[in-house]
């Protein structure tokens, strides 16, 4: 479901760029919306709508990256702490 939700966002944002006439080619608008969501940059047009959309997508990509980094860090720290406390050791 999460993958479908992300793919749906890409299509909707690409359609918004195309509908607001920020891009003249639909495939280019879809590509730019996808790259802006993943990397935080990629929209080449300079109108107000595309700049605002690029700012929102840049913040979205930072939040997703921070969430993934925090989750991975917590996983590895939790595994280290359990090993130090002997949680995985067999009882006597």
PDB file of N, CA and C in Angstrom:
ATOM      1  N   UNK A   1       0.819  -1.183   0.000  1.00  0.00           N
ATOM      2  CA  UNK A   1       0.000   0.000   0.000  1.00  0.00           C
ATOM      3  C   UNK A   1       0.868   1.254   0.000  1.00  0.00           C
ATOM      4  N   UNK A   2       1.979   1.221   0.738  1.00  0.00           N
ATOM      5  CA  UNK A   2       2.853   2.380   0.795  1.00  0.00           C
ATOM      6  C   UNK A   2       3.448   2.717  -0.560  1.00  0.00           C
ATOM      7  N   UNK A   3       3.843   1.687  -1.304  1.00  0.00           N
ATOM      8  CA  UNK A   3       4.425   1.906  -2.635  1.00  0.00           C
ATOM      9  C   UNK A   3       3.386   2.493  -3.579  1.00  0.00           C
ATOM     10  N   UNK A   4       2.172   1.995  -3.503  1.00  0.00           N
ATOM     11  CA  UNK A   4       1.107   2.553  -4.338  1.00  0.00           C
ATOM     12  C   UNK A   4       0.812   4.002  -3.974  1.00  0.00           C
ATOM     13  N   UNK A   5       0.871   4.319  -2.686  1.00  0.00           N
ATOM     14  CA  UNK A   5       0.648   5.693  -2.250  1.00  0.00           C
ATOM     15  C   UNK A   5       1.711   6.635  -2.772  1.00  0.00           C
ATOM     16  N   UNK A   6       2.960   6.195  -2.740  1.00  0.00           N
ATOM     17  CA  UNK A   6       4.053   7.024  -3.254  1.00  0.00           C
ATOM     18  C   UNK A   6       3.933   7.199  -4.757  1.00  0.00           C
ATOM     19  N   UNK A   7       3.643   6.127  -5.471  1.00  0.00           N
ATOM     20  CA  UNK A   7       3.481   6.219  -6.923  1.00  0.00           C
ATOM     21  C   UNK A   7       2.307   7.130  -7.275  1.00  0.00           C
ATOM     22  N   UNK A   8       1.242   7.069  -6.494  1.00  0.00           N
ATOM     23  CA  UNK A   8       0.085   7.936  -6.717  1.00  0.00           C
ATOM     24  C   UNK A   8       0.472   9.406  -6.540  1.00  0.00           C
ATOM     25  N   UNK A   9       1.309   9.688  -5.523  1.00  0.00           N
ATOM     26  CA  UNK A   9       1.772  11.063  -5.312  1.00  0.00           C
ATOM     27  C   UNK A   9       2.563  11.567  -6.498  1.00  0.00           C
ATOM     28  N   UNK A  10       3.429  10.723  -7.045  1.00  0.00           N
ATOM     29  CA  UNK A  10       4.223  11.137  -8.202  1.00  0.00           C
ATOM     30  C   UNK A  10       3.321  11.535  -9.365  1.00  0.00           C
ATOM     31  N   UNK A  11       2.313  10.723  -9.621  1.00  0.00           N
ATOM     32  CA  UNK A  11       1.409  10.990 -10.745  1.00  0.00           C
ATOM     33  C   UNK A  11       0.607  12.266 -10.497  1.00  0.00           C
ATOM     34  N   UNK A  12       0.081  12.422  -9.290  1.00  0.00           N
ATOM     35  CA  UNK A  12      -0.714  13.607  -8.975  1.00  0.00           C
ATOM     36  C   UNK A  12       0.138  14.873  -9.074  1.00  0.00           C
ATOM     37  N   UNK A  13       1.337  14.836  -8.532  1.00  0.00           N
ATOM     38  CA  UNK A  13       2.200  16.015  -8.584  1.00  0.00           C
ATOM     39  C   UNK A  13       2.621  16.327 -10.015  1.00  0.00           C
ATOM     40  N   UNK A  14       2.875  15.305 -10.808  1.00  0.00           N
ATOM     41  CA  UNK A  14       3.191  15.521 -12.220  1.00  0.00           C
ATOM     42  C   UNK A  14       2.024  16.143 -12.958  1.00  0.00           C
ATOM     43  N   UNK A  15       0.814  15.680 -12.652  1.00  0.00           N
ATOM     44  CA  UNK A  15      -0.376  16.252 -13.288  1.00  0.00           C
ATOM     45  C   UNK A  15      -0.591  17.698 -12.854  1.00  0.00           C
ATOM     46  N   UNK A  16      -0.287  17.998 -11.583  1.00  0.00           N
ATOM     47  CA  UNK A  16      -0.406  19.378 -11.123  1.00  0.00           C
ATOM     48  C   UNK A  16       0.555  20.298 -11.859  1.00  0.00           C
ATOM     49  N   UNK A  17       1.787  19.844 -12.021  1.00  0.00           N
ATOM     50  CA  UNK A  17       2.762  20.651 -12.767  1.00  0.00           C
ATOM     51  C   UNK A  17       2.287  20.888 -14.195  1.00  0.00           C
ATOM     52  N   UNK A  18       1.734  19.861 -14.804  1.00  0.00           N
ATOM     53  CA  UNK A  18       1.254  19.978 -16.186  1.00  0.00           C
ATOM     54  C   UNK A  18       0.002  20.853 -16.255  1.00  0.00           C
ATOM     55  N   UNK A  19      -0.917  20.681 -15.311  1.00  0.00           N
ATOM     56  CA  UNK A  19      -2.165  21.439 -15.317  1.00  0.00           C
ATOM     57  C   UNK A  19      -1.939  22.919 -15.029  1.00  0.00           C
ATOM     58  N   UNK A  20      -0.975  23.231 -14.186  1.00  0.00           N
ATOM     59  CA  UNK A  20      -0.689  24.628 -13.860  1.00  0.00           C
ATOM     60  C   UNK A  20       0.219  25.270 -14.909  1.00  0.00           C
ATOM     61  N   UNK A  21       0.477  24.540 -15.978  1.00  0.00           N
ATOM     62  CA  UNK A  21       1.284  24.999 -17.111  1.00  0.00           C
ATOM     63  C   UNK A  21       2.714  25.359 -16.706  1.00  0.00           C
ATOM     64  N   UNK A  22       3.227  24.663 -15.685  1.00  0.00           N
ATOM     65  CA  UNK A  22       4.624  24.829 -15.309  1.00  0.00           C
ATOM     66  C   UNK A  22       5.511  24.036 -16.251  1.00  0.00           C
ATOM     67  N   UNK A  23       4.939  23.036 -16.886  1.00  0.00           N
ATOM     68  CA  UNK A  23       5.659  22.213 -17.843  1.00  0.00           C
ATOM     69  C   UNK A  23       4.754  21.989 -19.059  1.00  0.00           C
ATOM     70  N   UNK A  24       5.368  21.982 -20.241  1.00  0.00           N
ATOM     71  CA  UNK A  24       4.571  21.812 -21.459  1.00  0.00           C
ATOM     72  C   UNK A  24       4.438  20.359 -21.874  1.00  0.00           C
ATOM     73  N   UNK A  25       5.231  19.477 -21.318  1.00  0.00           N
ATOM     74  CA  UNK A  25       5.215  18.055 -21.666  1.00  0.00           C
ATOM     75  C   UNK A  25       4.850  17.252 -20.416  1.00  0.00           C
ATOM     76  N   UNK A  26       3.833  16.389 -20.526  1.00  0.00           N
ATOM     77  CA  UNK A  26       3.374  15.626 -19.362  1.00  0.00           C
ATOM     78  C   UNK A  26       4.455  14.676 -18.843  1.00  0.00           C
ATOM     79  N   UNK A  27       5.154  13.999 -19.726  1.00  0.00           N
ATOM     80  CA  UNK A  27       6.191  13.062 -19.269  1.00  0.00           C
ATOM     81  C   UNK A  27       7.324  13.799 -18.566  1.00  0.00           C
ATOM     82  N   UNK A  28       7.659  14.976 -19.031  1.00  0.00           N
ATOM     83  CA  UNK A  28       8.691  15.776 -18.368  1.00  0.00           C
ATOM     84  C   UNK A  28       8.209  16.248 -16.994  1.00  0.00           C
ATOM     85  N   UNK A  29       6.932  16.626 -16.897  1.00  0.00           N
ATOM     86  CA  UNK A  29       6.373  17.048 -15.612  1.00  0.00           C
ATOM     87  C   UNK A  29       6.369  15.888 -14.618  1.00  0.00           C
ATOM     88  N   UNK A  30       6.032  14.697 -15.080  1.00  0.00           N
ATOM     89  CA  UNK A  30       6.034  13.518 -14.215  1.00  0.00           C
ATOM     90  C   UNK A  30       7.448  13.187 -13.748  1.00  0.00           C
ATOM     91  N   UNK A  31       8.409  13.279 -14.663  1.00  0.00           N
ATOM     92  CA  UNK A  31       9.813  13.027 -14.313  1.00  0.00           C
ATOM     93  C   UNK A  31      10.313  14.044 -13.288  1.00  0.00           C
ATOM     94  N   UNK A  32      10.006  15.307 -13.507  1.00  0.00           N
ATOM     95  CA  UNK A  32      10.474  16.342 -12.584  1.00  0.00           C
ATOM     96  C   UNK A  32       9.835  16.195 -11.210  1.00  0.00           C
ATOM     97  N   UNK A  33       8.552  15.848 -11.149  1.00  0.00           N
ATOM     98  CA  UNK A  33       7.884  15.650  -9.860  1.00  0.00           C
ATOM     99  C   UNK A  33       8.484  14.462  -9.118  1.00  0.00           C
ATOM    100  N   UNK A  34       8.794  13.401  -9.838  1.00  0.00           N
ATOM    101  CA  UNK A  34       9.398  12.225  -9.208  1.00  0.00           C
ATOM    102  C   UNK A  34      10.788  12.544  -8.677  1.00  0.00           C
ATOM    103  N   UNK A  35      11.607  13.205  -9.481  1.00  0.00           N
ATOM    104  CA  UNK A  35      12.962  13.549  -9.035  1.00  0.00           C
ATOM    105  C   UNK A  35      12.937  14.549  -7.883  1.00  0.00           C
ATOM    106  N   UNK A  36      11.987  15.467  -7.904  1.00  0.00           N
ATOM    107  CA  UNK A  36      11.883  16.430  -6.808  1.00  0.00           C
ATOM    108  C   UNK A  36      11.470  15.746  -5.517  1.00  0.00           C
ATOM    109  N   UNK A  37      10.629  14.729  -5.608  1.00  0.00           N
ATOM    110  CA  UNK A  37      10.212  14.006  -4.412  1.00  0.00           C
ATOM    111  C   UNK A  37      11.350  13.165  -3.853  1.00  0.00           C
ATOM    112  N   UNK A  38      12.123  12.532  -4.716  1.00  0.00           N
ATOM    113  CA  UNK A  38      13.186  11.638  -4.262  1.00  0.00           C
ATOM    114  C   UNK A  38      14.422  12.401  -3.816  1.00  0.00           C
ATOM    115  N   UNK A  39      14.853  13.377  -4.603  1.00  0.00           N
ATOM    116  CA  UNK A  39      16.122  14.057  -4.325  1.00  0.00           C
ATOM    117  C   UNK A  39      15.963  15.449  -3.741  1.00  0.00           C
ATOM    118  N   UNK A  40      14.787  16.038  -3.823  1.00  0.00           N
ATOM    119  CA  UNK A  40      14.587  17.383  -3.327  1.00  0.00           C
ATOM    120  C   UNK A  40      14.882  18.455  -4.361  1.00  0.00           C
ATOM    121  N   UNK A  41      15.259  18.072  -5.555  1.00  0.00           N
ATOM    122  CA  UNK A  41      15.494  19.041  -6.632  1.00  0.00           C
ATOM    123  C   UNK A  41      15.047  18.418  -7.943  1.00  0.00           C
ATOM    124  N   UNK A  42      15.011  19.204  -9.004  1.00  0.00           N
ATOM    125  CA  UNK A  42      14.670  18.623 -10.283  1.00  0.00           C
ATOM    126  C   UNK A  42      13.659  19.400 -11.082  1.00  0.00           C
ATOM    127  N   UNK A  43      12.932  20.341 -10.469  1.00  0.00           N
ATOM    128  CA  UNK A  43      11.950  21.112 -11.217  1.00  0.00           C
ATOM    129  C   UNK A  43      12.660  22.298 -11.853  1.00  0.00           C
ATOM    130  N   UNK A  44      12.587  22.368 -13.174  1.00  0.00           N
ATOM    131  CA  UNK A  44      13.351  23.377 -13.900  1.00  0.00           C
ATOM    132  C   UNK A  44      12.579  24.655 -14.174  1.00  0.00           C
ATOM    133  N   UNK A  45      11.244  24.635 -14.127  1.00  0.00           N
ATOM    134  CA  UNK A  45      10.490  25.848 -14.409  1.00  0.00           C
ATOM    135  C   UNK A  45      10.603  26.817 -13.232  1.00  0.00           C
ATOM    136  N   UNK A  46      10.370  28.091 -13.509  1.00  0.00           N
ATOM    137  CA  UNK A  46      10.627  29.113 -12.500  1.00  0.00           C
ATOM    138  C   UNK A  46       9.390  29.877 -12.057  1.00  0.00           C
ATOM    139  N   UNK A  47       8.189  29.378 -12.343  1.00  0.00           N
ATOM    140  CA  UNK A  47       7.003  30.091 -11.888  1.00  0.00           C
ATOM    141  C   UNK A  47       6.762  29.825 -10.400  1.00  0.00           C
ATOM    142  N   UNK A  48       5.859  30.585  -9.810  1.00  0.00           N
ATOM    143  CA  UNK A  48       5.641  30.523  -8.356  1.00  0.00           C
ATOM    144  C   UNK A  48       5.132  29.163  -7.902  1.00  0.00           C
ATOM    145  N   UNK A  49       4.227  28.546  -8.680  1.00  0.00           N
ATOM    146  CA  UNK A  49       3.684  27.256  -8.282  1.00  0.00           C
ATOM    147  C   UNK A  49       4.769  26.180  -8.234  1.00  0.00           C
ATOM    148  N   UNK A  50       5.616  26.131  -9.258  1.00  0.00           N
ATOM    149  CA  UNK A  50       6.650  25.096  -9.278  1.00  0.00           C
ATOM    150  C   UNK A  50       7.696  25.323  -8.191  1.00  0.00           C
ATOM    151  N   UNK A  51       7.986  26.572  -7.860  1.00  0.00           N
ATOM    152  CA  UNK A  51       8.921  26.846  -6.764  1.00  0.00           C
ATOM    153  C   UNK A  51       8.340  26.405  -5.429  1.00  0.00           C
ATOM    154  N   UNK A  52       7.061  26.675  -5.212  1.00  0.00           N
ATOM    155  CA  UNK A  52       6.414  26.251  -3.968  1.00  0.00           C
ATOM    156  C   UNK A  52       6.356  24.731  -3.879  1.00  0.00           C
ATOM    157  N   UNK A  53       6.027  24.087  -4.991  1.00  0.00           N
ATOM    158  CA  UNK A  53       5.981  22.627  -5.012  1.00  0.00           C
ATOM    159  C   UNK A  53       7.362  22.031  -4.756  1.00  0.00           C
ATOM    160  N   UNK A  54       8.385  22.627  -5.321  1.00  0.00           N
ATOM    161  CA  UNK A  54       9.743  22.135  -5.108  1.00  0.00           C
ATOM    162  C   UNK A  54      10.152  22.281  -3.642  1.00  0.00           C
ATOM    163  N   UNK A  55       9.757  23.367  -3.003  1.00  0.00           N
ATOM    164  CA  UNK A  55      10.057  23.561  -1.588  1.00  0.00           C
ATOM    165  C   UNK A  55       9.366  22.510  -0.723  1.00  0.00           C
ATOM    166  N   UNK A  56       8.098  22.245  -1.001  1.00  0.00           N
ATOM    167  CA  UNK A  56       7.352  21.231  -0.243  1.00  0.00           C
ATOM    168  C   UNK A  56       7.967  19.845  -0.447  1.00  0.00           C
ATOM    169  N   UNK A  57       8.328  19.523  -1.682  1.00  0.00           N
ATOM    170  CA  UNK A  57       8.915  18.207  -1.954  1.00  0.00           C
ATOM    171  C   UNK A  57      10.309  18.065  -1.362  1.00  0.00           C
ATOM    172  N   UNK A  58      11.058  19.157  -1.295  1.00  0.00           N
ATOM    173  CA  UNK A  58      12.378  19.098  -0.656  1.00  0.00           C
ATOM    174  C   UNK A  58      12.235  18.805   0.835  1.00  0.00           C
ATOM    175  N   UNK A  59      11.269  19.442   1.477  1.00  0.00           N
ATOM    176  CA  UNK A  59      11.033  19.166   2.898  1.00  0.00           C
ATOM    177  C   UNK A  59      10.562  17.727   3.091  1.00  0.00           C
ATOM    178  N   UNK A  60       9.722  17.232   2.194  1.00  0.00           N
ATOM    179  CA  UNK A  60       9.239  15.854   2.263  1.00  0.00           C
ATOM    180  C   UNK A  60      10.397  14.865   2.158  1.00  0.00           C
ATOM    181  N   UNK A  61      11.316  15.104   1.227  1.00  0.00           N
ATOM    182  CA  UNK A  61      12.429  14.170   1.056  1.00  0.00           C
ATOM    183  C   UNK A  61      13.359  14.196   2.262  1.00  0.00           C
ATOM    184  N   UNK A  62      13.544  15.356   2.896  1.00  0.00           N
ATOM    185  CA  UNK A  62      14.382  15.443   4.096  1.00  0.00           C
ATOM    186  C   UNK A  62      13.742  14.670   5.244  1.00  0.00           C
ATOM    187  N   UNK A  63      12.441  14.802   5.413  1.00  0.00           N
ATOM    188  CA  UNK A  63      11.745  14.092   6.490  1.00  0.00           C
ATOM    189  C   UNK A  63      11.822  12.583   6.284  1.00  0.00           C
ATOM    190  N   UNK A  64      11.633  12.119   5.059  1.00  0.00           N
ATOM    191  CA  UNK A  64      11.706  10.682   4.780  1.00  0.00           C
ATOM    192  C   UNK A  64      13.115  10.157   5.033  1.00  0.00           C
ATOM    193  N   UNK A  65      14.141  10.888   4.580  1.00  0.00           N
ATOM    194  CA  UNK A  65      15.517  10.454   4.805  1.00  0.00           C
ATOM    195  C   UNK A  65      15.834  10.416   6.295  1.00  0.00           C
ATOM    196  N   UNK A  66      15.407  11.421   7.049  1.00  0.00           N
ATOM    197  CA  UNK A  66      15.664  11.443   8.486  1.00  0.00           C
ATOM    198  C   UNK A  66      14.951  10.291   9.194  1.00  0.00           C
ATOM    199  N   UNK A  67      13.754   9.970   8.764  1.00  0.00           N
ATOM    200  CA  UNK A  67      13.019   8.859   9.357  1.00  0.00           C
ATOM    201  C   UNK A  67      13.727   7.536   9.103  1.00  0.00           C
ATOM    202  N   UNK A  68      14.180   7.328   7.879  1.00  0.00           N
ATOM    203  CA  UNK A  68      14.909   6.094   7.564  1.00  0.00           C
ATOM    204  C   UNK A  68      16.219   6.005   8.337  1.00  0.00           C
ATOM    205  N   UNK A  69      16.953   7.111   8.412  1.00  0.00           N
ATOM    206  CA  UNK A  69      18.222   7.110   9.144  1.00  0.00           C
ATOM    207  C   UNK A  69      17.992   6.848  10.628  1.00  0.00           C
ATOM    208  N   UNK A  70      16.980   7.463  11.206  1.00  0.00           N
ATOM    209  CA  UNK A  70      16.671   7.239  12.613  1.00  0.00           C
ATOM    210  C   UNK A  70      16.230   5.816  12.898  1.00  0.00           C
ATOM    211  N   UNK A  71      15.452   5.240  12.007  1.00  0.00           N
ATOM    212  CA  UNK A  71      14.996   3.857  12.188  1.00  0.00           C
ATOM    213  C   UNK A  71      16.156   2.878  12.128  1.00  0.00           C
ATOM    214  N   UNK A  72      17.032   3.067  11.150  1.00  0.00           N
ATOM    215  CA  UNK A  72      18.198   2.181  11.052  1.00  0.00           C
ATOM    216  C   UNK A  72      19.122   2.346  12.250  1.00  0.00           C
ATOM    217  N   UNK A  73      19.347   3.576  12.672  1.00  0.00           N
ATOM    218  CA  UNK A  73      20.194   3.816  13.839  1.00  0.00           C
ATOM    219  C   UNK A  73      19.611   3.186  15.087  1.00  0.00           C
ATOM    220  N   UNK A  74      18.311   3.321  15.297  1.00  0.00           N
ATOM    221  CA  UNK A  74      17.661   2.728  16.465  1.00  0.00           C
ATOM    222  C   UNK A  74      17.741   1.207  16.426  1.00  0.00           C
ATOM    223  N   UNK A  75      17.603   0.625  15.250  1.00  0.00           N
ATOM    224  CA  UNK A  75      17.689  -0.829  15.120  1.00  0.00           C
ATOM    225  C   UNK A  75      19.067  -1.329  15.532  1.00  0.00           C
ATOM    226  N   UNK A  76      20.119  -0.693  15.029  1.00  0.00           N
ATOM    227  CA  UNK A  76      21.460  -1.155  15.343  1.00  0.00           C
ATOM    228  C   UNK A  76      21.845  -0.865  16.786  1.00  0.00           C
ATOM    229  N   UNK A  77      21.401   0.245  17.356  1.00  0.00           N
ATOM    230  CA  UNK A  77      21.685   0.528  18.760  1.00  0.00           C
ATOM    231  C   UNK A  77      20.937  -0.427  19.673  1.00  0.00           C
ATOM    232  N   UNK A  78      19.717  -0.780  19.332  1.00  0.00           N
ATOM    233  CA  UNK A  78      18.950  -1.708  20.137  1.00  0.00           C
ATOM    234  C   UNK A  78      19.611  -3.084  20.126  1.00  0.00           C
ATOM    235  N   UNK A  79      20.091  -3.533  18.985  1.00  0.00           N
ATOM    236  CA  UNK A  79      20.757  -4.824  18.882  1.00  0.00           C
ATOM    237  C   UNK A  79      22.035  -4.835  19.710  1.00  0.00           C
ATOM    238  N   UNK A  80      22.782  -3.740  19.719  1.00  0.00           N
ATOM    239  CA  UNK A  80      24.008  -3.649  20.508  1.00  0.00           C
ATOM    240  C   UNK A  80      23.698  -3.707  21.998  1.00  0.00           C
ATOM    241  N   UNK A  81      22.691  -2.966  22.452  1.00  0.00           N
ATOM    242  CA  UNK A  81      22.338  -2.935  23.866  1.00  0.00           C
ATOM    243  C   UNK A  81      21.858  -4.297  24.354  1.00  0.00           C
ATOM    244  N   UNK A  82      21.101  -5.005  23.554  1.00  0.00           N
ATOM    245  CA  UNK A  82      20.620  -6.326  23.958  1.00  0.00           C
ATOM    246  C   UNK A  82      21.779  -7.298  24.108  1.00  0.00           C
ATOM    247  N   UNK A  83      22.763  -7.213  23.242  1.00  0.00           N
ATOM    248  CA  UNK A  83      23.920  -8.084  23.332  1.00  0.00           C
ATOM    249  C   UNK A  83      24.747  -7.808  24.563  1.00  0.00           C
ATOM    250  N   UNK A  84      24.871  -6.549  24.984  1.00  0.00           N
ATOM    251  CA  UNK A  84      25.647  -6.168  26.173  1.00  0.00           C
ATOM    252  C   UNK A  84      24.956  -6.631  27.452  1.00  0.00           C
ATOM    253  N   UNK A  85      23.625  -6.581  27.470  1.00  0.00           N
ATOM    254  CA  UNK A  85      22.894  -6.969  28.669  1.00  0.00           C
ATOM    255  C   UNK A  85      22.711  -8.474  28.788  1.00  0.00           C
ATOM    256  N   UNK A  86      23.013  -9.202  27.744  1.00  0.00           N
ATOM    257  CA  UNK A  86      22.858 -10.651  27.794  1.00  0.00           C
ATOM    258  C   UNK A  86      21.435 -11.098  27.585  1.00  0.00           C
ATOM    259  N   UNK A  87      20.632 -10.323  26.902  1.00  0.00           N
ATOM    260  CA  UNK A  87      19.237 -10.688  26.684  1.00  0.00           C
ATOM    261  C   UNK A  87      19.131 -11.954  25.842  1.00  0.00           C
ATOM    262  N   UNK A  88      20.038 -12.107  24.907  1.00  0.00           N
ATOM    263  CA  UNK A  88      19.994 -13.260  24.017  1.00  0.00           C
ATOM    264  C   UNK A  88      20.712 -14.487  24.599  1.00  0.00           C
ATOM    265  N   UNK A  89      21.308 -14.349  25.767  1.00  0.00           N
ATOM    266  CA  UNK A  89      22.031 -15.474  26.376  1.00  0.00           C
ATOM    267  C   UNK A  89      21.023 -16.513  26.898  1.00  0.00           C
ATOM    268  N   UNK A  90      21.426 -17.771  26.857  1.00  0.00           N
ATOM    269  CA  UNK A  90      20.526 -18.836  27.311  1.00  0.00           C
ATOM    270  C   UNK A  90      20.507 -18.881  28.848  1.00  0.00           C
ATOM    271  N   UNK A  91      19.328 -19.096  29.439  1.00  0.00           N
ATOM    272  CA  UNK A  91      19.222 -19.143  30.902  1.00  0.00           C
ATOM    273  C   UNK A  91      19.852 -20.411  31.461  1.00  0.00           C
ATOM    274  N   UNK A  92      20.330 -20.344  32.711  1.00  0.00           N
ATOM    275  CA  UNK A  92      20.955 -21.522  33.351  1.00  0.00           C
ATOM    276  C   UNK A  92      20.049 -22.132  34.355  1.00  0.00           C
TER     277      UNK A  92
END
